């Protein structure tokens, strides 16, 4: 049975689940959610996710929300990306939790404020504050990746797919790969994984589709 992922191309959090599904080789299909048209706030959408967010994964009778839970579910189904032993599994989760709080959250907000709001509504002080938080997160990741190809262990895990999620987007939010050589090298390793796709190629609803 085909797994459905309610998502949109602009969502880095949805990308975490979509990329894991794709690279795990599972049978899945994206279902576009018109976030910018207010779909996530409708009663119909709230019936599948009371939190009013994407992504949402439906796998048979199972409905999952929150991208990290989806990544864990994919690992349980396939044995992939969760770490090769208990110690690695804990480390994968540690970096996923770190990403959700320190990297993806401010990156998603900053990118939204800088690119998807009207120019006269963009709060400069908030953006500057968030970019300061992001710089600290980039420094943490850059230091960790010194001498490493992957965040945990010797291959791609959910930690990589979580932490990379917003860093592939073209819209400016204060991140430039050339400023962070270890992160740049690591992102290149991810791009080289067979089957890797850019978020706008993997999920429907890019800004170009709305133009």
Protein backbone atom coordinates (compact mmCIF):
# COMPACT_ATOMS: atom_id res chain seq x y z
CA UNK A 1 0.00 0.00 0.00
CA UNK A 2 1.36 3.40 -1.00
CA UNK A 3 2.35 5.66 1.87
CA UNK A 4 0.89 9.15 1.56
CA UNK A 5 2.86 12.17 2.70
CA UNK A 6 0.90 15.40 3.03
CA UNK A 7 3.54 18.00 2.30
CA UNK A 8 4.66 21.02 0.32
CA UNK A 9 7.93 21.71 -1.42
CA UNK A 10 8.71 24.73 0.71
CA UNK A 11 8.71 22.78 3.99
CA UNK A 12 12.07 21.64 5.28
CA UNK A 13 10.35 19.56 7.91
CA UNK A 14 8.34 17.75 5.26
CA UNK A 15 11.58 17.23 3.34
CA UNK A 16 13.00 15.24 6.27
CA UNK A 17 10.26 12.65 5.87
CA UNK A 18 10.11 12.77 2.08
CA UNK A 19 13.85 12.24 1.70
CA UNK A 20 13.83 9.35 4.17
CA UNK A 21 10.95 7.71 2.30
CA UNK A 22 12.68 8.17 -1.04
CA UNK A 23 16.09 6.92 0.03
CA UNK A 24 14.59 4.00 1.94
CA UNK A 25 13.01 2.85 -1.32
CA UNK A 26 9.48 2.78 0.05
CA UNK A 27 6.37 3.13 -2.10
CA UNK A 28 5.11 6.62 -1.33
CA UNK A 29 3.33 9.53 -2.94
CA UNK A 30 3.25 13.22 -2.01
CA UNK A 31 -0.08 14.93 -1.43
CA UNK A 32 0.28 18.67 -1.90
CA UNK A 33 -1.01 20.87 0.92
CA UNK A 34 -1.77 24.50 0.06
CA UNK A 35 -0.26 26.00 3.19
CA UNK A 36 -0.10 29.50 1.74
CA UNK A 37 -3.77 29.24 0.85
CA UNK A 38 -4.65 28.38 4.44
CA UNK A 39 -5.37 24.66 3.98
CA UNK A 40 -3.68 23.59 7.22
CA UNK A 41 -6.09 25.78 9.19
CA UNK A 42 -9.23 24.23 7.72
CA UNK A 43 -11.45 21.86 9.73
CA UNK A 44 -10.87 19.17 7.11
CA UNK A 45 -7.11 19.25 7.54
CA UNK A 46 -7.38 19.44 11.34
CA UNK A 47 -9.18 16.11 11.21
CA UNK A 48 -5.96 14.45 10.07
CA UNK A 49 -3.66 16.64 12.17
CA UNK A 50 -5.06 18.64 15.05
CA UNK A 51 -1.74 20.51 15.19
CA UNK A 52 -2.50 22.06 11.80
CA UNK A 53 0.95 21.36 10.35
CA UNK A 54 2.71 19.53 7.57
CA UNK A 55 3.99 16.93 7.16
CA UNK A 56 1.42 14.22 7.85
CA UNK A 57 2.15 10.61 6.94
CA UNK A 58 -0.56 8.03 6.37
CA UNK A 59 0.69 4.45 6.19
CA UNK A 60 -2.33 2.19 5.97
CA UNK A 61 -4.31 2.63 9.20
CA UNK A 62 -1.48 4.60 10.82
CA UNK A 63 -1.41 8.41 10.78
CA UNK A 64 1.76 10.10 11.97
CA UNK A 65 2.62 13.74 12.55
CA UNK A 66 5.98 15.35 13.37
CA UNK A 67 8.81 14.59 10.98
CA UNK A 68 11.07 12.94 13.54
CA UNK A 69 8.40 10.37 14.35
CA UNK A 70 8.03 9.66 10.64
CA UNK A 71 11.77 9.16 10.27
CA UNK A 72 11.74 6.73 13.19
CA UNK A 73 8.80 4.86 11.64
CA UNK A 74 10.69 4.52 8.36
CA UNK A 75 13.68 3.15 10.27
CA UNK A 76 11.45 0.63 12.06
CA UNK A 77 9.99 -0.53 8.72
CA UNK A 78 13.26 -0.80 6.84
CA UNK A 79 16.10 -1.05 9.36
CA UNK A 80 17.72 1.97 7.69
CA UNK A 81 18.98 5.32 8.97
CA UNK A 82 18.47 4.68 12.69
CA UNK A 83 22.03 3.75 13.65
CA UNK A 84 23.73 0.37 13.64
CA UNK A 85 23.52 -0.21 17.41
CA UNK A 86 21.95 1.25 20.55
CA UNK A 87 24.74 3.77 21.06
CA UNK A 88 24.42 5.09 17.52
CA UNK A 89 20.63 5.14 17.79
CA UNK A 90 20.89 7.39 20.83
CA UNK A 91 23.34 9.66 19.03
CA UNK A 92 21.05 9.88 16.00
CA UNK A 93 18.18 10.94 18.24
CA UNK A 94 20.40 13.45 20.06
CA UNK A 95 21.18 15.23 16.81
CA UNK A 96 17.59 15.06 15.61
CA UNK A 97 16.42 16.72 18.83
CA UNK A 98 19.20 19.31 18.56
CA UNK A 99 18.25 20.07 14.98
CA UNK A 100 14.57 20.53 15.76
CA UNK A 101 15.35 23.09 18.46
CA UNK A 102 18.57 24.77 17.37
CA UNK A 103 18.69 24.55 13.57
CA UNK A 104 15.46 23.74 11.75
CA UNK A 105 13.22 25.89 13.94
CA UNK A 106 15.11 29.19 13.53
CA UNK A 107 16.03 28.35 9.91
CA UNK A 108 12.42 27.74 8.95
CA UNK A 109 11.20 30.88 10.67
CA UNK A 110 13.96 33.09 9.29
CA UNK A 111 13.52 31.79 5.75
CA UNK A 112 9.77 32.40 6.00
CA UNK A 113 10.19 35.94 7.32
CA UNK A 114 12.76 36.85 4.67
CA UNK A 115 11.11 35.29 1.63
CA UNK A 116 7.41 34.57 2.07
CA UNK A 117 6.22 37.75 3.79
CA UNK A 118 5.68 41.02 2.00
CA UNK A 119 8.83 43.16 2.19
CA UNK A 120 7.15 45.82 4.33
CA UNK A 121 6.16 43.21 6.93
CA UNK A 122 9.58 41.66 7.48
CA UNK A 123 10.74 42.31 11.07
CA UNK A 124 14.41 43.24 10.72
CA UNK A 125 15.26 42.89 14.42
CA UNK A 126 13.68 39.45 14.66
CA UNK A 127 15.49 38.31 11.52
CA UNK A 128 18.83 39.57 12.86
CA UNK A 129 18.26 37.82 16.20
CA UNK A 130 17.37 34.55 14.51
CA UNK A 131 20.38 34.76 12.21
CA UNK A 132 22.57 35.10 15.29
CA UNK A 133 21.06 31.92 16.71
CA UNK A 134 21.58 30.17 13.39
CA UNK A 135 25.23 31.19 13.20
CA UNK A 136 25.79 29.53 16.56
CA UNK A 137 24.10 26.36 15.25
CA UNK A 138 26.21 26.36 12.09
CA UNK A 139 29.33 26.67 14.26
CA UNK A 140 28.26 23.67 16.33
CA UNK A 141 27.63 21.55 13.24
CA UNK A 142 30.81 22.75 11.51
CA UNK A 143 32.90 21.76 14.53
CA UNK A 144 31.23 18.36 14.85
CA UNK A 145 31.80 17.57 11.16
CA UNK A 146 35.55 18.19 11.32
CA UNK A 147 37.09 14.94 10.09
CA UNK A 148 33.67 13.32 9.62
CA UNK A 149 31.67 12.49 6.50
CA UNK A 150 28.43 11.91 8.44
CA UNK A 151 26.96 13.21 11.67
CA UNK A 152 26.76 9.74 13.24
CA UNK A 153 28.73 6.66 12.29
CA UNK A 154 29.97 5.84 8.81
CA UNK A 155 26.84 6.37 6.72
CA UNK A 156 23.67 8.37 6.17
CA UNK A 157 21.26 8.44 9.12
CA UNK A 158 18.17 10.34 10.19
CA UNK A 159 20.51 12.80 11.90
CA UNK A 160 21.89 13.86 8.53
CA UNK A 161 18.47 14.04 6.88
CA UNK A 162 17.13 16.10 9.77
CA UNK A 163 20.00 18.58 10.00
CA UNK A 164 20.38 19.10 6.24
CA UNK A 165 16.72 19.77 5.56
CA UNK A 166 16.72 23.57 5.33
CA UNK A 167 20.29 23.91 4.09
CA UNK A 168 19.49 22.89 0.50
CA UNK A 169 16.92 25.64 -0.11
CA UNK A 170 17.90 28.44 -2.50
CA UNK A 171 16.04 31.27 -0.75
CA UNK A 172 18.34 33.47 1.37
CA UNK A 173 18.11 33.21 5.14
CA UNK A 174 21.71 33.82 6.20
CA UNK A 175 23.35 30.53 5.22
CA UNK A 176 26.01 30.25 2.54
CA UNK A 177 27.69 26.88 2.04
CA UNK A 178 31.03 28.39 1.08
CA UNK A 179 31.32 29.95 4.55
CA UNK A 180 31.24 26.54 6.23
CA UNK A 181 33.65 24.10 4.53
CA UNK A 182 32.84 21.07 6.69
CA UNK A 183 29.10 21.58 6.27
CA UNK A 184 29.60 22.10 2.53
CA UNK A 185 31.56 18.86 2.24
CA UNK A 186 28.92 16.99 4.25
CA UNK A 187 26.09 18.35 2.10
CA UNK A 188 27.99 17.20 -0.98
CA UNK A 189 28.14 13.68 0.49
CA UNK A 190 24.36 13.74 0.97
CA UNK A 191 23.82 14.98 -2.59
CA UNK A 192 25.93 12.07 -3.83
CA UNK A 193 23.73 9.42 -2.19
CA UNK A 194 22.00 7.44 -4.96
CA UNK A 195 18.41 8.62 -5.26
CA UNK A 196 18.94 11.98 -3.53
CA UNK A 197 16.63 14.73 -4.72
CA UNK A 198 16.36 18.44 -3.97
CA UNK A 199 13.23 19.33 -1.95
CA UNK A 200 11.64 21.14 -4.88
CA UNK A 201 12.18 18.07 -7.05
CA UNK A 202 10.89 15.64 -4.44
CA UNK A 203 7.73 17.43 -3.27
CA UNK A 204 5.11 19.49 -5.12
CA UNK A 205 4.37 23.14 -4.54
CA UNK A 206 7.56 25.11 -5.13
CA UNK A 207 7.45 28.90 -5.43
CA UNK A 208 7.80 28.44 -9.19
CA UNK A 209 4.52 26.50 -9.20
CA UNK A 210 2.78 29.49 -7.61
CA UNK A 211 4.31 32.10 -9.89
